[in-house]
Each structure stands twice: as structure tokens, then as C-alpha cells.
Amino acid sequence: GDAAEIRFHVFFFYDTAKVQIYTLDGRLVRTLEGQRQPDQSYLYIWTGQDQDERVVPPGSYLCRVEVEAQAGAASQHRIISVAY
């Protein structure tokens, strides 16, 4: 099936990044588990399922990436669209 790949690089990284998917009204849908890749990037994959592994309804979702690095904490947000 289809999935969204969330991949990023962080220099002087202290801990695993927190990647979470939210509805646009702020409800947490899923916290993703990721892996460090051989090229030193981090990869998280969302298959369009919630924490209970149910397929989410079509629509727009907010992906929030939060990291703690040597320069301090930072977060980024992106919209992910789900369509069937």
C-alpha cells in the first residue's frame, strides 16, 4: 500500500526525534517509530493508520517533527494529504 516517508538529517543529534501525526484540529492520530539510516538520515513511515492501526479517513493531517540537537530544540510542521 501507499505510505508517507518522512526523512531528515540532524547534525549533533542527542536523541531520537519525535514524529507525530495530528488531525488539523489538534487530535493526536499516531506517534511514529523511525530508524537511523546508513546515510545518517532518519526515516519515519506513516501508512495512514492511527495508534490502533485503523485506516484514517481521507483528508489533511499535520506531521510534526521535533528534535533535540546541540543547537537546541526545534520543530517543523508539514501537511500530509490522505486520499483513497
N, C-alpha and C. Protein backbone atom coordinates (compact mmCIF):
# COMPACT_ATOMS: atom_id res chain seq x y z
N GLY A 1 0.80 -1.18 0.00
CA GLY A 1 0.00 0.00 0.00
C GLY A 1 0.85 1.26 0.00
N ASP A 2 0.19 2.36 -0.09
CA ASP A 2 0.86 3.66 -0.09
C ASP A 2 1.25 4.07 1.32
N ALA A 3 2.30 4.87 1.40
CA ALA A 3 2.78 5.36 2.69
C ALA A 3 3.49 6.69 2.48
N ALA A 4 3.53 7.49 3.53
CA ALA A 4 4.28 8.74 3.51
C ALA A 4 5.62 8.50 4.17
N GLU A 5 6.70 8.90 3.50
CA GLU A 5 8.04 8.82 4.08
C GLU A 5 8.42 10.18 4.63
N ILE A 6 8.84 10.21 5.88
CA ILE A 6 9.34 11.44 6.50
C ILE A 6 10.82 11.19 6.75
N ARG A 7 11.67 11.92 6.03
CA ARG A 7 13.12 11.70 6.12
C ARG A 7 13.79 13.05 6.35
N PHE A 8 14.79 13.06 7.25
CA PHE A 8 15.50 14.30 7.54
C PHE A 8 16.88 14.00 8.11
N HIS A 9 17.74 15.01 8.06
CA HIS A 9 19.09 14.95 8.63
C HIS A 9 19.15 15.92 9.80
N VAL A 10 19.82 15.51 10.88
CA VAL A 10 20.05 16.39 12.02
C VAL A 10 21.51 16.20 12.43
N PHE A 11 22.23 17.30 12.58
CA PHE A 11 23.62 17.25 12.99
C PHE A 11 23.71 17.42 14.50
N PHE A 12 24.64 16.71 15.14
CA PHE A 12 24.83 16.77 16.59
C PHE A 12 23.51 16.47 17.31
N PHE A 13 22.96 15.34 16.98
CA PHE A 13 21.65 14.90 17.45
C PHE A 13 21.81 14.20 18.79
N TYR A 14 21.01 14.55 19.78
CA TYR A 14 21.12 13.93 21.10
C TYR A 14 20.23 12.71 21.29
N ASP A 15 19.08 12.72 20.71
CA ASP A 15 18.10 11.68 21.00
C ASP A 15 17.27 11.42 19.75
N THR A 16 16.44 10.38 19.81
CA THR A 16 15.56 10.09 18.70
C THR A 16 14.55 11.22 18.52
N ALA A 17 14.28 11.55 17.31
CA ALA A 17 13.28 12.59 17.04
C ALA A 17 11.89 12.08 17.37
N LYS A 18 11.02 12.99 17.69
CA LYS A 18 9.62 12.65 17.92
C LYS A 18 8.86 13.09 16.67
N VAL A 19 8.21 12.14 16.02
CA VAL A 19 7.41 12.42 14.83
C VAL A 19 5.99 11.98 15.13
N GLN A 20 5.07 12.94 15.05
CA GLN A 20 3.68 12.66 15.37
C GLN A 20 2.76 13.19 14.28
N ILE A 21 1.66 12.49 14.08
CA ILE A 21 0.65 12.87 13.11
C ILE A 21 -0.59 13.33 13.89
N TYR A 22 -1.13 14.50 13.49
CA TYR A 22 -2.30 15.08 14.15
C TYR A 22 -3.38 15.38 13.12
N THR A 23 -4.63 15.40 13.58
CA THR A 23 -5.69 15.96 12.76
C THR A 23 -5.50 17.47 12.74
N LEU A 24 -6.14 18.16 11.82
CA LEU A 24 -5.99 19.62 11.75
C LEU A 24 -6.58 20.33 12.96
N ASP A 25 -7.46 19.66 13.71
CA ASP A 25 -7.99 20.27 14.93
C ASP A 25 -7.16 19.91 16.17
N GLY A 26 -6.00 19.26 15.96
CA GLY A 26 -5.05 19.04 17.04
C GLY A 26 -5.12 17.71 17.76
N ARG A 27 -5.95 16.79 17.31
CA ARG A 27 -6.02 15.47 17.95
C ARG A 27 -4.87 14.59 17.47
N LEU A 28 -4.15 13.98 18.42
CA LEU A 28 -3.05 13.09 18.07
C LEU A 28 -3.60 11.84 17.39
N VAL A 29 -3.08 11.53 16.22
CA VAL A 29 -3.50 10.35 15.46
C VAL A 29 -2.53 9.20 15.69
N ARG A 30 -1.23 9.50 15.57
CA ARG A 30 -0.22 8.44 15.69
C ARG A 30 1.14 9.03 16.01
N THR A 31 1.88 8.33 16.84
CA THR A 31 3.30 8.62 17.08
C THR A 31 4.08 7.58 16.29
N LEU A 32 4.99 8.04 15.45
CA LEU A 32 5.72 7.13 14.55
C LEU A 32 7.03 6.67 15.16
N GLU A 33 7.42 5.46 14.81
CA GLU A 33 8.73 4.91 15.17
C GLU A 33 9.62 5.04 13.95
N GLY A 34 10.84 5.48 14.13
CA GLY A 34 11.74 5.67 13.00
C GLY A 34 13.06 4.97 13.20
N GLN A 35 13.90 5.05 12.18
CA GLN A 35 15.21 4.42 12.22
C GLN A 35 16.25 5.33 11.61
N ARG A 36 17.46 5.27 12.17
CA ARG A 36 18.59 5.97 11.58
C ARG A 36 19.07 5.15 10.38
N GLN A 37 19.31 5.82 9.28
CA GLN A 37 19.70 5.17 8.03
C GLN A 37 21.23 5.20 7.86
N PRO A 38 21.77 4.35 6.98
CA PRO A 38 23.22 4.33 6.76
C PRO A 38 23.80 5.68 6.33
N ASP A 39 23.00 6.52 5.66
CA ASP A 39 23.49 7.84 5.23
C ASP A 39 23.34 8.89 6.33
N GLN A 40 23.06 8.43 7.57
CA GLN A 40 22.89 9.28 8.75
C GLN A 40 21.60 10.09 8.74
N SER A 41 20.68 9.81 7.83
CA SER A 41 19.37 10.45 7.87
C SER A 41 18.48 9.63 8.82
N TYR A 42 17.33 10.18 9.11
CA TYR A 42 16.34 9.48 9.93
C TYR A 42 15.10 9.28 9.06
N LEU A 43 14.52 8.09 9.13
CA LEU A 43 13.38 7.74 8.28
C LEU A 43 12.21 7.27 9.14
N TYR A 44 11.07 7.89 8.92
CA TYR A 44 9.82 7.53 9.58
C TYR A 44 8.79 7.30 8.47
N ILE A 45 7.97 6.27 8.62
CA ILE A 45 6.97 5.95 7.60
C ILE A 45 5.59 5.92 8.25
N TRP A 46 4.65 6.62 7.62
CA TRP A 46 3.25 6.59 8.08
C TRP A 46 2.41 5.94 7.00
N THR A 47 1.70 4.89 7.38
CA THR A 47 0.87 4.13 6.45
C THR A 47 -0.58 4.57 6.43
N GLY A 48 -0.88 5.71 7.07
CA GLY A 48 -2.25 6.21 7.08
C GLY A 48 -3.12 5.54 8.13
N GLN A 49 -2.47 5.00 9.17
CA GLN A 49 -3.21 4.35 10.25
C GLN A 49 -3.05 5.13 11.55
N ASP A 50 -4.06 4.99 12.43
CA ASP A 50 -3.97 5.63 13.74
C ASP A 50 -3.24 4.71 14.72
N GLN A 51 -3.20 5.08 16.00
CA GLN A 51 -2.49 4.29 17.02
C GLN A 51 -3.06 2.88 17.15
N ASP A 52 -4.34 2.71 16.85
CA ASP A 52 -4.98 1.39 16.93
C ASP A 52 -4.92 0.64 15.61
N GLU A 53 -4.11 1.16 14.67
CA GLU A 53 -3.89 0.57 13.34
C GLU A 53 -5.15 0.54 12.48
N ARG A 54 -6.06 1.48 12.74
CA ARG A 54 -7.23 1.67 11.87
C ARG A 54 -6.87 2.69 10.81
N VAL A 55 -7.35 2.47 9.59
CA VAL A 55 -7.10 3.41 8.50
C VAL A 55 -7.83 4.71 8.79
N VAL A 56 -7.13 5.83 8.65
CA VAL A 56 -7.73 7.14 8.93
C VAL A 56 -8.60 7.57 7.75
N PRO A 57 -9.58 8.43 8.01
CA PRO A 57 -10.42 8.95 6.91
C PRO A 57 -9.59 9.83 5.97
N PRO A 58 -10.01 9.94 4.71
CA PRO A 58 -9.32 10.84 3.78
C PRO A 58 -9.35 12.27 4.32
N GLY A 59 -8.32 13.02 4.00
CA GLY A 59 -8.25 14.41 4.44
C GLY A 59 -6.82 14.86 4.63
N SER A 60 -6.66 16.01 5.25
CA SER A 60 -5.34 16.58 5.52
C SER A 60 -4.97 16.35 6.98
N TYR A 61 -3.70 16.03 7.20
CA TYR A 61 -3.17 15.76 8.53
C TYR A 61 -1.89 16.55 8.71
N LEU A 62 -1.58 16.86 9.96
CA LEU A 62 -0.39 17.63 10.28
C LEU A 62 0.69 16.67 10.79
N CYS A 63 1.86 16.73 10.17
CA CYS A 63 3.01 15.96 10.63
C CYS A 63 3.93 16.91 11.39
N ARG A 64 4.23 16.57 12.64
CA ARG A 64 5.11 17.41 13.47
C ARG A 64 6.37 16.62 13.79
N VAL A 65 7.52 17.19 13.43
CA VAL A 65 8.82 16.60 13.73
C VAL A 65 9.49 17.49 14.77
N GLU A 66 9.87 16.88 15.89
CA GLU A 66 10.52 17.63 16.97
C GLU A 66 11.84 16.94 17.31
N VAL A 67 12.93 17.70 17.35
CA VAL A 67 14.24 17.14 17.68
C VAL A 67 14.93 17.99 18.73
N GLU A 68 15.82 17.33 19.46
CA GLU A 68 16.69 18.00 20.43
C GLU A 68 18.10 17.82 19.89
N ALA A 69 18.75 18.91 19.53
CA ALA A 69 20.10 18.87 18.96
C ALA A 69 21.01 19.79 19.76
N GLN A 70 22.28 19.78 19.42
CA GLN A 70 23.26 20.59 20.14
C GLN A 70 22.87 22.07 20.14
N ALA A 71 22.29 22.53 19.05
CA ALA A 71 21.90 23.94 18.93
C ALA A 71 20.59 24.25 19.66
N GLY A 72 19.92 23.23 20.21
CA GLY A 72 18.66 23.43 20.92
C GLY A 72 17.53 22.64 20.30
N ALA A 73 16.36 22.81 20.85
CA ALA A 73 15.18 22.09 20.35
C ALA A 73 14.61 22.82 19.15
N ALA A 74 14.07 22.04 18.23
CA ALA A 74 13.46 22.62 17.03
C ALA A 74 12.31 21.72 16.59
N SER A 75 11.34 22.31 15.91
CA SER A 75 10.25 21.51 15.36
C SER A 75 9.87 22.07 13.99
N GLN A 76 9.35 21.19 13.18
CA GLN A 76 8.85 21.53 11.84
C GLN A 76 7.49 20.88 11.67
N HIS A 77 6.65 21.52 10.90
CA HIS A 77 5.31 21.00 10.62
C HIS A 77 5.10 20.93 9.11
N ARG A 78 4.45 19.87 8.67
CA ARG A 78 4.09 19.73 7.26
C ARG A 78 2.70 19.12 7.17
N ILE A 79 2.01 19.43 6.10
CA ILE A 79 0.69 18.85 5.84
C ILE A 79 0.87 17.58 5.00
N ILE A 80 0.18 16.52 5.39
CA ILE A 80 0.14 15.27 4.64
C ILE A 80 -1.31 15.04 4.24
N SER A 81 -1.55 14.77 2.97
CA SER A 81 -2.90 14.50 2.49
C SER A 81 -3.11 13.01 2.32
N VAL A 82 -4.26 12.54 2.75
CA VAL A 82 -4.64 11.14 2.60
C VAL A 82 -5.84 11.09 1.66
N ALA A 83 -5.73 10.27 0.61
CA ALA A 83 -6.82 10.10 -0.36
C ALA A 83 -6.92 8.62 -0.72
N TYR A 84 -8.14 8.16 -0.96
CA TYR A 84 -8.36 6.76 -1.36
C TYR A 84 -9.10 6.71 -2.67
